[in-house]
Amino acid sequence: HLDETGTVSADVKIDIEDATGHTGTISAASNYRLLYASCSGCTFVELETGDSKSGDVVTFSSVAIKDGIYAIGSADSNL
């Protein structure tokens, strides 16, 4: 959960093993989506597609950070 004021742009990096417990390999970064909801109980929407990966870390580049809740979704068949 993030709480900020003003406009902030950042690279968001998510370590898949830390986030999900998955210890195997991951495929293309584009199989991962950064999801966003403006409040608890609100519906998540797709905010960004993964731009790159290094090991099991997926990077979403230049994300416009907003107050709200973030999650990761995947179409990766390895998970």
Protein backbone atom coordinates (compact mmCIF):
# COMPACT_ATOMS: atom_id res chain seq x y z
CA HIS A 1 0.00 0.00 0.00
CA LEU A 2 1.38 3.41 -0.96
CA ASP A 3 0.44 6.83 0.37
CA GLU A 4 1.97 9.86 -1.39
CA THR A 5 1.23 13.43 -2.39
CA GLY A 6 1.91 14.87 -5.84
CA THR A 7 3.15 13.07 -8.92
CA VAL A 8 5.87 10.46 -8.55
CA SER A 9 7.28 8.29 -11.32
CA ALA A 10 9.37 5.24 -10.44
CA ASP A 11 10.57 1.86 -11.63
CA VAL A 12 8.67 -0.78 -9.66
CA LYS A 13 10.64 -4.00 -9.15
CA ILE A 14 8.93 -7.12 -7.83
CA ASP A 15 10.88 -10.19 -6.75
CA ILE A 16 8.60 -13.06 -7.78
CA GLU A 17 10.06 -15.51 -5.22
CA ASP A 18 9.56 -13.03 -2.38
CA ALA A 19 6.07 -12.06 -3.59
CA THR A 20 4.72 -15.52 -4.40
CA GLY A 21 7.02 -18.17 -2.95
CA HIS A 22 7.67 -19.51 -6.48
CA THR A 23 11.29 -20.69 -6.68
CA GLY A 24 11.47 -21.76 -10.34
CA THR A 25 12.31 -19.76 -13.41
CA ILE A 26 10.03 -17.12 -14.85
CA SER A 27 9.43 -16.47 -18.52
CA ALA A 28 9.10 -13.13 -20.33
CA ALA A 29 8.50 -9.96 -18.30
CA SER A 30 5.56 -9.18 -20.59
CA ASN A 31 3.67 -12.08 -18.95
CA TYR A 32 3.41 -10.01 -15.76
CA ARG A 33 1.00 -7.17 -15.02
CA LEU A 34 1.11 -4.53 -12.33
CA LEU A 35 -2.42 -4.17 -10.95
CA TYR A 36 -3.82 -1.14 -9.13
CA ALA A 37 -6.85 -0.42 -6.96
CA SER A 38 -7.58 3.01 -5.52
CA CYS A 39 -9.04 1.59 -2.28
CA SER A 40 -9.53 -1.67 -0.42
CA GLY A 41 -12.72 -3.15 -1.83
CA CYS A 42 -12.21 -1.42 -5.19
CA THR A 43 -11.69 -3.45 -8.35
CA PHE A 44 -8.10 -3.91 -9.53
CA VAL A 45 -7.24 -2.62 -13.00
CA GLU A 46 -4.20 -3.38 -15.12
CA LEU A 47 -1.78 -0.49 -14.78
CA GLU A 48 1.39 -1.67 -16.57
CA THR A 49 2.93 -4.66 -18.36
CA GLY A 50 6.36 -5.88 -17.23
CA ASP A 51 9.18 -4.23 -19.17
CA SER A 52 12.19 -6.36 -18.23
CA LYS A 53 13.35 -9.16 -15.95
CA SER A 54 16.55 -10.11 -14.24
CA GLY A 55 16.51 -13.54 -12.63
CA ASP A 56 13.15 -13.62 -10.87
CA VAL A 57 12.75 -9.83 -10.57
CA VAL A 58 10.26 -8.17 -12.92
CA THR A 59 10.62 -4.43 -13.55
CA PHE A 60 7.78 -2.11 -14.50
CA SER A 61 9.46 1.06 -15.84
CA SER A 62 8.40 4.67 -15.23
CA VAL A 63 5.18 3.89 -13.35
CA ALA A 64 3.12 6.92 -12.33
CA ILE A 65 2.69 6.10 -8.64
CA LYS A 66 -0.68 6.95 -7.10
CA ASP A 67 -2.21 6.47 -3.67
CA GLY A 68 -3.65 2.98 -3.56
CA ILE A 69 -3.00 -0.72 -3.49
CA TYR A 70 -0.71 -2.57 -5.92
CA ALA A 71 -0.59 -6.26 -6.81
CA ILE A 72 0.98 -8.42 -9.50
CA GLY A 73 -0.84 -10.69 -11.94
CA SER A 74 0.63 -13.25 -14.30
CA ALA A 75 -0.14 -15.31 -17.36
CA ASP A 76 3.17 -17.17 -16.85
CA SER A 77 2.56 -20.91 -17.17
CA ASN A 78 5.59 -21.55 -14.93
CA LEU A 79 3.73 -20.31 -11.85
